[in-house]
């Protein structure tokens, strides 16, 4: 059976894009380290059957760290009317 430490870093259980938490070459390695620690804490909380308040606090921390590391969205520029609502 695979454990968290034996899983390859590039493997995605959901099939989507993967962030390698071991990669420290990102813009802010401190935030990446904090996210890695938050995930480790989450696993420990699940293992200890922690109360819902602790899980909620950790989930909020993970969400905020993920949002900080997520690249800014690029807005598409349009010229002319929106084809989805243009009536002629």
N, C-alpha and C. Protein backbone atom coordinates (compact mmCIF):
# COMPACT_ATOMS: atom_id res chain seq x y z
N UNK A 1 0.84 -1.19 0.00
CA UNK A 1 0.00 0.00 0.00
C UNK A 1 0.88 1.24 0.00
N UNK A 2 0.49 2.23 -0.81
CA UNK A 2 1.25 3.46 -0.88
C UNK A 2 0.88 4.37 0.28
N UNK A 3 1.88 5.01 0.83
CA UNK A 3 1.64 6.01 1.85
C UNK A 3 1.93 7.36 1.25
N UNK A 4 1.65 8.41 2.00
CA UNK A 4 1.87 9.76 1.49
C UNK A 4 3.34 9.97 1.13
N UNK A 5 4.26 9.40 1.91
CA UNK A 5 5.68 9.60 1.64
C UNK A 5 6.17 8.80 0.45
N UNK A 6 5.44 7.75 0.03
CA UNK A 6 5.90 6.95 -1.10
C UNK A 6 5.21 7.29 -2.40
N UNK A 7 4.18 8.12 -2.35
CA UNK A 7 3.52 8.54 -3.58
C UNK A 7 4.41 9.47 -4.37
N UNK A 8 4.45 9.33 -5.69
CA UNK A 8 5.22 10.28 -6.48
C UNK A 8 4.62 11.68 -6.37
N UNK A 9 5.47 12.69 -6.38
CA UNK A 9 5.00 14.06 -6.20
C UNK A 9 4.15 14.53 -7.35
N UNK A 10 4.31 13.95 -8.53
CA UNK A 10 3.58 14.41 -9.71
C UNK A 10 2.26 13.67 -9.91
N UNK A 11 1.94 12.74 -9.06
CA UNK A 11 0.72 11.96 -9.22
C UNK A 11 -0.48 12.75 -8.73
N UNK A 12 -1.54 12.77 -9.52
CA UNK A 12 -2.76 13.46 -9.14
C UNK A 12 -3.88 12.44 -9.02
N UNK A 13 -4.52 12.40 -7.88
CA UNK A 13 -5.63 11.48 -7.69
C UNK A 13 -6.86 11.92 -8.47
N UNK A 14 -7.00 13.23 -8.69
CA UNK A 14 -8.16 13.75 -9.41
C UNK A 14 -7.90 13.88 -10.90
N UNK A 15 -6.65 13.69 -11.34
CA UNK A 15 -6.33 13.78 -12.75
C UNK A 15 -6.08 15.19 -13.23
N UNK A 16 -6.11 16.17 -12.34
CA UNK A 16 -5.90 17.57 -12.74
C UNK A 16 -4.46 17.99 -12.61
N UNK A 17 -4.19 19.28 -12.77
CA UNK A 17 -2.83 19.78 -12.63
C UNK A 17 -2.31 19.56 -11.22
N UNK A 18 -1.01 19.42 -11.10
CA UNK A 18 -0.40 19.08 -9.83
C UNK A 18 0.64 20.12 -9.45
N UNK A 19 0.66 20.49 -8.19
CA UNK A 19 1.67 21.39 -7.65
C UNK A 19 2.64 20.55 -6.84
N UNK A 20 3.91 20.55 -7.23
CA UNK A 20 4.91 19.78 -6.50
C UNK A 20 5.32 20.58 -5.28
N UNK A 21 4.91 20.13 -4.10
CA UNK A 21 5.18 20.86 -2.87
C UNK A 21 6.65 20.80 -2.48
N UNK A 22 7.41 19.94 -3.12
CA UNK A 22 8.84 19.88 -2.83
C UNK A 22 9.61 20.93 -3.61
N UNK A 23 8.99 21.52 -4.64
CA UNK A 23 9.65 22.52 -5.47
C UNK A 23 9.71 23.84 -4.72
N UNK A 24 10.91 24.29 -4.41
CA UNK A 24 11.08 25.54 -3.68
C UNK A 24 11.52 26.67 -4.60
N UNK A 25 11.41 26.49 -5.90
CA UNK A 25 11.82 27.53 -6.83
C UNK A 25 10.69 28.50 -7.16
N UNK A 26 9.56 28.39 -6.47
CA UNK A 26 8.44 29.29 -6.75
C UNK A 26 8.76 30.70 -6.27
N UNK A 27 7.86 31.63 -6.56
CA UNK A 27 8.08 33.03 -6.21
C UNK A 27 8.25 33.24 -4.71
N UNK A 28 7.50 32.54 -3.90
CA UNK A 28 7.55 32.74 -2.46
C UNK A 28 7.69 31.39 -1.76
N UNK A 29 8.94 30.93 -1.58
CA UNK A 29 9.11 29.62 -0.96
C UNK A 29 8.57 29.54 0.46
N UNK A 30 8.48 30.66 1.17
CA UNK A 30 7.92 30.65 2.52
C UNK A 30 6.47 30.24 2.52
N UNK A 31 5.70 30.74 1.56
CA UNK A 31 4.29 30.38 1.45
C UNK A 31 4.13 28.91 1.08
N UNK A 32 5.00 28.43 0.21
CA UNK A 32 4.95 27.03 -0.19
C UNK A 32 5.25 26.12 0.99
N UNK A 33 6.23 26.50 1.80
CA UNK A 33 6.54 25.73 3.01
C UNK A 33 5.35 25.75 3.97
N UNK A 34 4.71 26.92 4.11
CA UNK A 34 3.56 27.02 5.00
C UNK A 34 2.42 26.14 4.52
N UNK A 35 2.21 26.08 3.19
CA UNK A 35 1.15 25.22 2.63
C UNK A 35 1.48 23.75 2.88
N UNK A 36 2.72 23.37 2.69
CA UNK A 36 3.13 21.99 2.95
C UNK A 36 2.87 21.64 4.42
N UNK A 37 3.22 22.56 5.33
CA UNK A 37 3.00 22.32 6.75
C UNK A 37 1.50 22.23 7.08
N UNK A 38 0.69 23.06 6.42
CA UNK A 38 -0.76 23.04 6.66
C UNK A 38 -1.36 21.71 6.20
N UNK A 39 -0.88 21.18 5.06
CA UNK A 39 -1.36 19.87 4.60
C UNK A 39 -0.96 18.77 5.58
N UNK A 40 0.28 18.83 6.07
CA UNK A 40 0.74 17.83 7.04
C UNK A 40 -0.08 17.91 8.32
N UNK A 41 -0.39 19.12 8.75
CA UNK A 41 -1.23 19.29 9.94
C UNK A 41 -2.62 18.72 9.70
N UNK A 42 -3.15 18.92 8.50
CA UNK A 42 -4.49 18.40 8.18
C UNK A 42 -4.53 16.88 8.29
N UNK A 43 -3.50 16.23 7.74
CA UNK A 43 -3.44 14.77 7.83
C UNK A 43 -3.35 14.32 9.28
N UNK A 44 -2.56 15.03 10.08
CA UNK A 44 -2.44 14.69 11.50
C UNK A 44 -3.77 14.89 12.22
N UNK A 45 -4.49 15.94 11.87
CA UNK A 45 -5.79 16.19 12.49
C UNK A 45 -6.78 15.08 12.16
N UNK A 46 -6.78 14.64 10.90
CA UNK A 46 -7.66 13.53 10.53
C UNK A 46 -7.28 12.27 11.28
N UNK A 47 -5.98 12.01 11.38
CA UNK A 47 -5.51 10.82 12.09
C UNK A 47 -5.87 10.83 13.56
N UNK A 48 -5.90 12.03 14.16
CA UNK A 48 -6.21 12.15 15.58
C UNK A 48 -7.71 12.33 15.83
N UNK A 49 -8.50 12.29 14.76
CA UNK A 49 -9.95 12.51 14.87
C UNK A 49 -10.24 13.80 15.62
N UNK A 50 -9.62 14.87 15.13
CA UNK A 50 -9.74 16.18 15.77
C UNK A 50 -11.17 16.71 15.66
N UNK A 51 -11.53 17.63 16.54
CA UNK A 51 -12.88 18.21 16.48
C UNK A 51 -13.07 19.04 15.21
N UNK A 52 -14.32 19.23 14.87
CA UNK A 52 -14.67 19.95 13.64
C UNK A 52 -14.10 21.37 13.61
N UNK A 53 -14.00 22.02 14.77
CA UNK A 53 -13.48 23.39 14.81
C UNK A 53 -12.02 23.43 14.35
N UNK A 54 -11.24 22.44 14.77
CA UNK A 54 -9.83 22.38 14.36
C UNK A 54 -9.71 22.10 12.87
N UNK A 55 -10.54 21.20 12.36
CA UNK A 55 -10.52 20.90 10.93
C UNK A 55 -10.94 22.13 10.12
N UNK A 56 -11.93 22.86 10.60
CA UNK A 56 -12.38 24.06 9.90
C UNK A 56 -11.30 25.13 9.90
N UNK A 57 -10.60 25.29 11.03
CA UNK A 57 -9.52 26.27 11.10
C UNK A 57 -8.42 25.91 10.11
N UNK A 58 -8.06 24.63 10.06
CA UNK A 58 -7.02 24.19 9.14
C UNK A 58 -7.46 24.34 7.69
N UNK A 59 -8.72 24.02 7.40
CA UNK A 59 -9.23 24.16 6.03
C UNK A 59 -9.16 25.62 5.57
N UNK A 60 -9.49 26.56 6.46
CA UNK A 60 -9.41 27.98 6.12
C UNK A 60 -7.96 28.38 5.85
N UNK A 61 -7.04 27.87 6.64
CA UNK A 61 -5.62 28.16 6.44
C UNK A 61 -5.15 27.63 5.09
N UNK A 62 -5.52 26.40 4.76
CA UNK A 62 -5.14 25.80 3.47
C UNK A 62 -5.71 26.63 2.33
N UNK A 63 -7.00 27.01 2.42
CA UNK A 63 -7.62 27.81 1.36
C UNK A 63 -6.90 29.13 1.15
N UNK A 64 -6.55 29.80 2.24
CA UNK A 64 -5.89 31.11 2.11
C UNK A 64 -4.49 30.96 1.52
N UNK A 65 -3.77 29.92 1.92
CA UNK A 65 -2.43 29.71 1.37
C UNK A 65 -2.50 29.31 -0.11
N UNK A 66 -3.47 28.48 -0.47
CA UNK A 66 -3.63 28.11 -1.88
C UNK A 66 -3.98 29.33 -2.72
N UNK A 67 -4.85 30.20 -2.21
CA UNK A 67 -5.22 31.40 -2.95
C UNK A 67 -4.02 32.33 -3.14
N UNK A 68 -3.16 32.41 -2.14
CA UNK A 68 -1.97 33.26 -2.24
C UNK A 68 -0.99 32.72 -3.28
N UNK A 69 -0.93 31.41 -3.44
CA UNK A 69 0.00 30.81 -4.39
C UNK A 69 -0.56 30.68 -5.80
N UNK A 70 -1.88 30.79 -5.94
CA UNK A 70 -2.52 30.64 -7.24
C UNK A 70 -2.15 31.83 -8.13
N UNK A 71 -1.79 31.59 -9.39
CA UNK A 71 -1.47 32.71 -10.27
C UNK A 71 -2.70 33.56 -10.54
N UNK A 72 -2.46 34.84 -10.77
CA UNK A 72 -3.57 35.76 -11.05
C UNK A 72 -4.22 35.40 -12.37
N UNK A 73 -5.52 35.48 -12.42
CA UNK A 73 -6.26 35.17 -13.65
C UNK A 73 -6.06 36.28 -14.67
N UNK A 74 -5.97 35.89 -15.92
CA UNK A 74 -5.81 36.84 -17.01
C UNK A 74 -7.17 37.03 -17.66
N UNK A 75 -7.60 38.29 -17.72
CA UNK A 75 -8.89 38.57 -18.36
C UNK A 75 -8.70 38.66 -19.87
N UNK A 76 -9.60 38.03 -20.59
CA UNK A 76 -9.55 38.08 -22.05
C UNK A 76 -10.10 39.40 -22.54
N UNK A 77 -9.46 39.94 -23.55
CA UNK A 77 -9.95 41.19 -24.14
C UNK A 77 -10.87 40.86 -25.30
N UNK A 78 -11.96 41.57 -25.37
CA UNK A 78 -12.92 41.36 -26.46
C UNK A 78 -13.02 42.63 -27.29
N UNK A 79 -13.22 42.42 -28.55
CA UNK A 79 -13.49 43.56 -29.41
C UNK A 79 -14.83 43.31 -30.08
N UNK A 80 -15.74 44.21 -29.85
CA UNK A 80 -17.07 44.05 -30.43
C UNK A 80 -18.03 43.42 -29.45
N UNK A 81 -19.25 43.15 -29.94
CA UNK A 81 -20.29 42.61 -29.06
C UNK A 81 -20.00 41.15 -28.68
N UNK A 82 -20.57 40.76 -27.59
CA UNK A 82 -20.44 39.40 -27.12
C UNK A 82 -21.24 38.48 -28.03
N UNK A 83 -20.61 37.50 -28.68
CA UNK A 83 -21.34 36.64 -29.62
C UNK A 83 -22.43 35.80 -28.94
N UNK A 84 -22.32 35.62 -27.65
CA UNK A 84 -23.32 34.81 -26.96
C UNK A 84 -24.64 35.56 -26.83
N UNK A 85 -24.61 36.89 -26.86
CA UNK A 85 -25.85 37.66 -26.69
C UNK A 85 -26.15 38.58 -27.86
N UNK A 86 -25.31 38.56 -28.89
CA UNK A 86 -25.53 39.43 -30.05
C UNK A 86 -26.71 38.93 -30.88
N UNK A 87 -27.65 39.82 -31.15
CA UNK A 87 -28.87 39.42 -31.85
C UNK A 87 -28.89 39.87 -33.31
N UNK A 88 -27.86 40.46 -33.78
CA UNK A 88 -27.84 40.78 -35.21
C UNK A 88 -27.54 42.16 -35.45
